Each structure stands twice: as structure tokens, then as C-alpha cells.
Amino acid sequence: MKRITAVLLMGLSLLCCFAVQAQAETVEIEIRNFNFYPPDPVINVGDTVVWTNKMNYGHWVISGVDMRHNNKFFSYLLLNGTKFSYTFRTPGDFPYYCPIHSMQAMISVVAEEPAADAPAEKGDKKKRRRRH
């Protein structure tokens, strides 16, 4: 009986892991007309952004602002039709640029709101019952 319970628990935990991964999305950004489209998307933690160069000119996708790299992500030279992807694992604003053509944009990453029926986290304000 213990063995069956252990196998069922392991299967349930794997199922939960796959369910969480299924929630992550892929956001496509095209490089065209010397701009990033869409220029400033808002995504969730865990989402992956895929940049695709649609131009006949090479471009880079480098995290940072005003030509100052901040070591978050750095693509290789993207030629026409090539792609670069990055998965955002923390919330925040992530500016990026192409140093060749002075193109700039930003990815805003937000933490997903917990489900309405999710238990409150430690530190959340809860209504407490008074004891009489």
C-alpha cells in the first residue's frame, strides 16, 4: 500500500510540474523597419520572448540601455530570418537595444496574480476570527 501511495504521489507531483510549465507563453517580437514590434510588451514571469530578424540587415538584441550592457541577455548577430530567445524568470523592466542601429525597447515582466481560491501567503493580511 505504501508503494502504491508513493507512486501516486510522484505521478501527481509530475503532473503539477507540467501544469505549471504549460502556463508559460512564448511572445514573438519582430525586428523590422529598424524597430522592434511590439516595442514594449508586458509578459509574465516564466514567459519566453523570441526575437526574429525580418530585415536584410544584421541586428543584435542586448539587454541594457543607452548602449550600456547589463549582462541579462546578449544575442549573437541576427541575420535575416534568424531568431534569439530568452526566458524571463524574474519580474521587472528589462530594456534592450541593437547597438548597430540605435533601436531601443523594453520588456516588462510581471508576477502572475494568484488564483482567487489560492491560500494566503505568510504575511498576507487575513481576516481573523475573534475568540469570545
N, C-alpha and C. Protein backbone atom coordinates (compact mmCIF):
# COMPACT_ATOMS: atom_id res chain seq x y z
N MET A 1 0.83 -1.20 0.00
CA MET A 1 0.00 0.00 0.00
C MET A 1 0.87 1.26 0.00
N LYS A 2 1.96 1.23 0.79
CA LYS A 2 2.85 2.40 0.83
C LYS A 2 3.47 2.65 -0.54
N ARG A 3 3.78 1.57 -1.24
CA ARG A 3 4.40 1.70 -2.54
C ARG A 3 3.43 2.35 -3.54
N ILE A 4 2.18 1.93 -3.52
CA ILE A 4 1.17 2.50 -4.42
C ILE A 4 0.98 3.98 -4.11
N THR A 5 0.91 4.31 -2.82
CA THR A 5 0.75 5.71 -2.42
C THR A 5 1.94 6.54 -2.90
N ALA A 6 3.15 6.03 -2.75
CA ALA A 6 4.34 6.75 -3.18
C ALA A 6 4.33 6.99 -4.69
N VAL A 7 3.94 5.97 -5.46
CA VAL A 7 3.89 6.10 -6.92
C VAL A 7 2.83 7.12 -7.32
N LEU A 8 1.67 7.07 -6.67
CA LEU A 8 0.61 8.04 -6.97
C LEU A 8 1.04 9.46 -6.64
N LEU A 9 1.70 9.64 -5.50
CA LEU A 9 2.18 10.98 -5.13
C LEU A 9 3.22 11.49 -6.11
N MET A 10 4.11 10.62 -6.56
CA MET A 10 5.13 11.02 -7.53
C MET A 10 4.47 11.42 -8.85
N GLY A 11 3.50 10.64 -9.29
CA GLY A 11 2.79 10.95 -10.53
C GLY A 11 2.04 12.27 -10.42
N LEU A 12 1.41 12.51 -9.29
CA LEU A 12 0.69 13.77 -9.07
C LEU A 12 1.65 14.95 -9.07
N SER A 13 2.81 14.81 -8.44
CA SER A 13 3.77 15.92 -8.42
C SER A 13 4.30 16.20 -9.83
N LEU A 14 4.53 15.19 -10.63
CA LEU A 14 4.96 15.40 -12.02
C LEU A 14 3.87 16.09 -12.82
N LEU A 15 2.64 15.71 -12.60
CA LEU A 15 1.52 16.33 -13.29
C LEU A 15 1.44 17.81 -12.94
N CYS A 16 1.64 18.14 -11.68
CA CYS A 16 1.62 19.54 -11.25
C CYS A 16 2.75 20.33 -11.91
N CYS A 17 3.92 19.74 -12.02
CA CYS A 17 5.06 20.42 -12.66
C CYS A 17 4.74 20.74 -14.12
N PHE A 18 4.15 19.78 -14.83
CA PHE A 18 3.81 20.02 -16.23
C PHE A 18 2.71 21.07 -16.35
N ALA A 19 1.78 21.10 -15.41
CA ALA A 19 0.70 22.08 -15.45
C ALA A 19 1.26 23.48 -15.29
N VAL A 20 2.25 23.67 -14.41
CA VAL A 20 2.86 24.98 -14.22
C VAL A 20 3.62 25.40 -15.48
N GLN A 21 4.36 24.47 -16.08
CA GLN A 21 5.11 24.80 -17.28
C GLN A 21 4.19 25.14 -18.45
N ALA A 22 3.01 24.54 -18.48
CA ALA A 22 2.09 24.79 -19.59
C ALA A 22 1.56 26.22 -19.57
N GLN A 23 1.63 26.89 -18.43
CA GLN A 23 1.12 28.24 -18.33
C GLN A 23 2.05 29.26 -18.97
N ALA A 24 3.31 28.96 -19.08
CA ALA A 24 4.26 29.90 -19.68
C ALA A 24 3.95 30.07 -21.17
N GLU A 25 4.12 31.29 -21.66
CA GLU A 25 3.82 31.58 -23.05
C GLU A 25 5.07 32.01 -23.79
N THR A 26 4.97 31.98 -25.11
CA THR A 26 6.03 32.49 -25.97
C THR A 26 5.52 33.75 -26.65
N VAL A 27 6.29 34.82 -26.53
CA VAL A 27 5.93 36.10 -27.13
C VAL A 27 6.90 36.36 -28.28
N GLU A 28 6.36 36.62 -29.46
CA GLU A 28 7.17 36.86 -30.65
C GLU A 28 7.39 38.36 -30.83
N ILE A 29 8.64 38.75 -31.05
CA ILE A 29 8.97 40.13 -31.38
C ILE A 29 9.71 40.12 -32.71
N GLU A 30 9.23 40.91 -33.66
CA GLU A 30 9.88 41.00 -34.97
C GLU A 30 10.75 42.25 -35.03
N ILE A 31 11.88 42.09 -35.68
CA ILE A 31 12.74 43.23 -35.97
C ILE A 31 12.49 43.59 -37.43
N ARG A 32 11.84 44.75 -37.63
CA ARG A 32 11.53 45.19 -38.99
C ARG A 32 11.46 46.72 -39.01
N ASN A 33 11.76 47.30 -40.15
CA ASN A 33 11.75 48.76 -40.31
C ASN A 33 12.58 49.47 -39.23
N PHE A 34 13.67 48.85 -38.84
CA PHE A 34 14.58 49.40 -37.84
C PHE A 34 13.88 49.67 -36.50
N ASN A 35 12.95 48.76 -36.13
CA ASN A 35 12.26 48.82 -34.85
C ASN A 35 11.94 47.41 -34.37
N PHE A 36 11.60 47.30 -33.08
CA PHE A 36 11.14 46.05 -32.50
C PHE A 36 9.61 46.11 -32.43
N TYR A 37 8.91 45.05 -32.92
CA TYR A 37 7.45 45.02 -32.90
C TYR A 37 6.96 43.75 -32.23
N PRO A 38 6.13 43.83 -31.19
CA PRO A 38 5.69 45.04 -30.50
C PRO A 38 6.85 45.62 -29.69
N PRO A 39 6.87 46.95 -29.52
CA PRO A 39 8.04 47.58 -28.91
C PRO A 39 8.17 47.37 -27.40
N ASP A 40 7.08 47.36 -26.65
CA ASP A 40 7.17 47.29 -25.19
C ASP A 40 6.12 46.33 -24.61
N PRO A 41 6.25 45.04 -24.88
CA PRO A 41 5.23 44.11 -24.38
C PRO A 41 5.33 43.91 -22.87
N VAL A 42 4.21 43.53 -22.28
CA VAL A 42 4.15 43.15 -20.86
C VAL A 42 3.91 41.65 -20.84
N ILE A 43 4.78 40.92 -20.15
CA ILE A 43 4.69 39.47 -20.11
C ILE A 43 4.70 39.00 -18.66
N ASN A 44 4.48 37.71 -18.45
CA ASN A 44 4.51 37.12 -17.11
C ASN A 44 5.86 36.46 -16.84
N VAL A 45 6.20 36.34 -15.57
CA VAL A 45 7.40 35.60 -15.17
C VAL A 45 7.28 34.19 -15.75
N GLY A 46 8.35 33.71 -16.35
CA GLY A 46 8.38 32.38 -16.95
C GLY A 46 8.11 32.37 -18.44
N ASP A 47 7.63 33.49 -18.98
CA ASP A 47 7.39 33.57 -20.42
C ASP A 47 8.72 33.69 -21.18
N THR A 48 8.72 33.23 -22.41
CA THR A 48 9.89 33.31 -23.28
C THR A 48 9.60 34.29 -24.40
N VAL A 49 10.56 35.16 -24.67
CA VAL A 49 10.46 36.09 -25.79
C VAL A 49 11.37 35.57 -26.90
N VAL A 50 10.84 35.55 -28.12
CA VAL A 50 11.61 35.14 -29.29
C VAL A 50 11.67 36.33 -30.24
N TRP A 51 12.88 36.82 -30.49
CA TRP A 51 13.08 37.90 -31.45
C TRP A 51 13.43 37.27 -32.79
N THR A 52 12.83 37.77 -33.88
CA THR A 52 13.13 37.29 -35.22
C THR A 52 13.48 38.48 -36.10
N ASN A 53 14.64 38.42 -36.75
CA ASN A 53 15.04 39.49 -37.65
C ASN A 53 14.36 39.29 -39.00
N LYS A 54 13.55 40.27 -39.41
CA LYS A 54 12.83 40.23 -40.68
C LYS A 54 13.45 41.17 -41.71
N MET A 55 14.66 41.65 -41.42
CA MET A 55 15.31 42.61 -42.32
C MET A 55 16.52 42.00 -43.00
N ASN A 56 17.00 42.66 -44.04
CA ASN A 56 18.20 42.22 -44.73
C ASN A 56 19.47 42.75 -44.07
N TYR A 57 19.33 43.42 -42.95
CA TYR A 57 20.47 43.95 -42.19
C TYR A 57 20.60 43.15 -40.90
N GLY A 58 21.82 42.97 -40.43
CA GLY A 58 22.05 42.26 -39.18
C GLY A 58 21.71 43.12 -37.97
N HIS A 59 21.24 42.48 -36.91
CA HIS A 59 20.90 43.17 -35.67
C HIS A 59 21.32 42.32 -34.48
N TRP A 60 21.51 42.97 -33.34
CA TRP A 60 21.73 42.30 -32.06
C TRP A 60 20.57 42.64 -31.15
N VAL A 61 20.35 41.79 -30.15
CA VAL A 61 19.41 42.07 -29.07
C VAL A 61 20.23 41.97 -27.79
N ILE A 62 20.46 43.13 -27.16
CA ILE A 62 21.34 43.21 -26.00
C ILE A 62 20.62 43.91 -24.86
N SER A 63 20.62 43.30 -23.68
CA SER A 63 19.96 43.92 -22.53
C SER A 63 20.77 45.11 -22.04
N GLY A 64 20.05 46.15 -21.66
CA GLY A 64 20.69 47.37 -21.17
C GLY A 64 20.03 48.58 -21.80
N VAL A 65 20.60 49.73 -21.52
CA VAL A 65 20.04 50.97 -22.03
C VAL A 65 21.17 51.90 -22.45
N ASP A 66 20.91 52.69 -23.48
CA ASP A 66 21.88 53.67 -23.97
C ASP A 66 23.26 53.07 -24.22
N MET A 67 23.25 51.92 -24.88
CA MET A 67 24.49 51.24 -25.27
C MET A 67 25.32 50.75 -24.08
N ARG A 68 24.69 50.56 -22.93
CA ARG A 68 25.38 50.00 -21.77
C ARG A 68 24.78 48.63 -21.45
N HIS A 69 25.53 47.59 -21.72
CA HIS A 69 25.08 46.22 -21.50
C HIS A 69 24.98 45.94 -20.00
N ASN A 70 23.88 45.27 -19.56
CA ASN A 70 23.74 44.97 -18.14
C ASN A 70 23.81 43.47 -17.82
N ASN A 71 24.29 42.67 -18.76
CA ASN A 71 24.56 41.24 -18.55
C ASN A 71 23.34 40.37 -18.30
N LYS A 72 22.15 40.78 -18.71
CA LYS A 72 20.96 39.93 -18.57
C LYS A 72 20.87 38.97 -19.77
N PHE A 73 20.95 39.50 -20.98
CA PHE A 73 20.94 38.66 -22.18
C PHE A 73 21.68 39.37 -23.30
N PHE A 74 22.19 38.57 -24.25
CA PHE A 74 23.04 39.09 -25.32
C PHE A 74 22.93 38.11 -26.48
N SER A 75 22.33 38.54 -27.57
CA SER A 75 22.19 37.63 -28.72
C SER A 75 23.46 37.64 -29.56
N TYR A 76 23.56 36.66 -30.41
CA TYR A 76 24.56 36.68 -31.47
C TYR A 76 24.03 37.61 -32.56
N LEU A 77 24.81 37.87 -33.59
CA LEU A 77 24.35 38.71 -34.70
C LEU A 77 23.21 37.99 -35.42
N LEU A 78 22.04 38.63 -35.43
CA LEU A 78 20.86 38.04 -36.07
C LEU A 78 20.79 38.50 -37.52
N LEU A 79 20.98 37.57 -38.43
CA LEU A 79 20.82 37.86 -39.85
C LEU A 79 19.36 37.63 -40.23
N ASN A 80 18.98 37.98 -41.44
CA ASN A 80 17.60 37.84 -41.88
C ASN A 80 17.08 36.43 -41.64
N GLY A 81 15.95 36.33 -40.89
CA GLY A 81 15.32 35.04 -40.63
C GLY A 81 15.81 34.32 -39.40
N THR A 82 16.88 34.80 -38.77
CA THR A 82 17.38 34.10 -37.59
C THR A 82 16.66 34.60 -36.33
N LYS A 83 16.70 33.76 -35.29
CA LYS A 83 15.96 34.03 -34.06
C LYS A 83 16.87 33.96 -32.84
N PHE A 84 16.43 34.65 -31.79
CA PHE A 84 17.08 34.60 -30.48
C PHE A 84 15.97 34.56 -29.45
N SER A 85 16.13 33.72 -28.42
CA SER A 85 15.10 33.65 -27.38
C SER A 85 15.71 33.78 -25.99
N TYR A 86 14.87 34.27 -25.07
CA TYR A 86 15.28 34.42 -23.68
C TYR A 86 14.05 34.22 -22.80
N THR A 87 14.19 33.45 -21.73
CA THR A 87 13.10 33.22 -20.78
C THR A 87 13.31 34.12 -19.58
N PHE A 88 12.29 34.90 -19.26
CA PHE A 88 12.35 35.86 -18.15
C PHE A 88 11.85 35.19 -16.88
N ARG A 89 12.72 35.07 -15.89
CA ARG A 89 12.41 34.33 -14.66
C ARG A 89 12.15 35.22 -13.45
N THR A 90 12.36 36.52 -13.61
CA THR A 90 12.12 37.45 -12.50
C THR A 90 11.32 38.64 -13.00
N PRO A 91 10.48 39.23 -12.13
CA PRO A 91 9.73 40.41 -12.54
C PRO A 91 10.63 41.64 -12.65
N GLY A 92 10.19 42.61 -13.43
CA GLY A 92 10.94 43.86 -13.58
C GLY A 92 10.86 44.38 -14.99
N ASP A 93 11.51 45.50 -15.21
CA ASP A 93 11.61 46.10 -16.54
C ASP A 93 12.97 45.78 -17.12
N PHE A 94 12.99 45.31 -18.34
CA PHE A 94 14.23 44.88 -19.00
C PHE A 94 14.39 45.63 -20.31
N PRO A 95 15.08 46.78 -20.28
CA PRO A 95 15.35 47.49 -21.53
C PRO A 95 16.37 46.71 -22.36
N TYR A 96 16.29 46.87 -23.67
CA TYR A 96 17.26 46.24 -24.56
C TYR A 96 17.43 47.10 -25.80
N TYR A 97 18.46 46.81 -26.57
CA TYR A 97 18.79 47.65 -27.72
C TYR A 97 19.57 46.87 -28.77
N CYS A 98 19.66 47.46 -29.96
CA CYS A 98 20.56 47.00 -31.02
C CYS A 98 21.62 48.07 -31.17
N PRO A 99 22.89 47.78 -30.88
CA PRO A 99 23.92 48.81 -30.92
C PRO A 99 24.26 49.29 -32.33
N ILE A 100 23.93 48.50 -33.33
CA ILE A 100 24.28 48.88 -34.70
C ILE A 100 23.39 50.02 -35.19
N HIS A 101 22.08 49.93 -34.87
CA HIS A 101 21.12 50.88 -35.43
C HIS A 101 20.41 51.72 -34.38
N SER A 102 20.89 51.74 -33.15
CA SER A 102 20.33 52.55 -32.06
C SER A 102 18.84 52.31 -31.82
N MET A 103 18.38 51.10 -32.02
CA MET A 103 17.00 50.74 -31.73
C MET A 103 16.90 50.37 -30.26
N GLN A 104 15.85 50.82 -29.57
CA GLN A 104 15.67 50.51 -28.16
C GLN A 104 14.23 50.12 -27.89
N ALA A 105 14.01 49.25 -26.91
CA ALA A 105 12.67 48.85 -26.48
C ALA A 105 12.78 48.29 -25.07
N MET A 106 11.66 47.81 -24.53
CA MET A 106 11.67 47.28 -23.17
C MET A 106 10.67 46.15 -23.03
N ILE A 107 11.05 45.16 -22.23
CA ILE A 107 10.15 44.07 -21.84
C ILE A 107 9.80 44.33 -20.38
N SER A 108 8.51 44.38 -20.07
CA SER A 108 8.06 44.49 -18.68
C SER A 108 7.54 43.13 -18.24
N VAL A 109 8.12 42.60 -17.17
CA VAL A 109 7.76 41.27 -16.69
C VAL A 109 7.04 41.43 -15.35
N VAL A 110 5.85 40.87 -15.28
CA VAL A 110 5.05 40.95 -14.06
C VAL A 110 4.85 39.56 -13.49
N ALA A 111 4.71 39.51 -12.16
CA ALA A 111 4.39 38.25 -11.50
C ALA A 111 2.89 38.01 -11.68
N GLU A 112 2.53 36.79 -12.00
CA GLU A 112 1.12 36.48 -12.18
C GLU A 112 0.39 36.62 -10.86
N GLU A 113 -0.85 37.10 -10.94
CA GLU A 113 -1.69 37.21 -9.75
C GLU A 113 -2.07 35.81 -9.30
N PRO A 114 -2.08 35.56 -7.98
CA PRO A 114 -2.50 34.24 -7.52
C PRO A 114 -3.99 34.04 -7.78
N ALA A 115 -4.39 32.81 -7.95
CA ALA A 115 -5.80 32.50 -8.19
C ALA A 115 -6.63 32.93 -6.99
N ALA A 116 -7.89 33.25 -7.23
CA ALA A 116 -8.77 33.74 -6.16
C ALA A 116 -8.93 32.72 -5.04
N ASP A 117 -8.86 31.43 -5.35
CA ASP A 117 -9.04 30.41 -4.33
C ASP A 117 -7.72 29.92 -3.74
N ALA A 118 -6.61 30.58 -4.10
CA ALA A 118 -5.30 30.17 -3.58
C ALA A 118 -5.19 30.56 -2.12
N PRO A 119 -4.52 29.73 -1.30
CA PRO A 119 -4.36 30.08 0.11
C PRO A 119 -3.47 31.31 0.26
N ALA A 120 -3.73 32.08 1.29
CA ALA A 120 -2.95 33.30 1.53
C ALA A 120 -1.52 32.94 1.91
N GLU A 121 -0.58 33.71 1.41
CA GLU A 121 0.83 33.52 1.74
C GLU A 121 1.12 34.09 3.12
N LYS A 122 2.18 33.63 3.73
CA LYS A 122 2.59 34.17 5.03
C LYS A 122 2.84 35.67 4.86
N GLY A 123 2.28 36.46 5.73
CA GLY A 123 2.45 37.90 5.65
C GLY A 123 1.28 38.59 4.99
N ASP A 124 0.43 37.83 4.27
CA ASP A 124 -0.78 38.42 3.69
C ASP A 124 -1.73 38.80 4.81
N LYS A 125 -2.47 39.85 4.62
CA LYS A 125 -3.44 40.26 5.62
C LYS A 125 -4.65 39.34 5.52
N LYS A 126 -5.00 38.75 6.63
CA LYS A 126 -6.14 37.85 6.68
C LYS A 126 -7.13 38.38 7.69
N LYS A 127 -8.39 38.09 7.46
CA LYS A 127 -9.40 38.38 8.48
C LYS A 127 -9.31 37.28 9.52
N ARG A 128 -9.21 37.67 10.76
CA ARG A 128 -9.12 36.69 11.84
C ARG A 128 -10.39 36.73 12.68
N ARG A 129 -10.80 35.57 13.13
CA ARG A 129 -11.96 35.48 13.99
C ARG A 129 -11.57 35.82 15.42
N ARG A 130 -12.43 36.54 16.05
CA ARG A 130 -12.18 36.83 17.46
C ARG A 130 -12.71 35.69 18.32
N ARG A 131 -11.96 35.39 19.33
CA ARG A 131 -12.45 34.37 20.29
C ARG A 131 -13.20 35.09 21.39
N HIS A 132 -14.33 34.55 21.75
CA HIS A 132 -15.13 35.18 22.82
C HIS A 132 -14.88 34.50 24.12
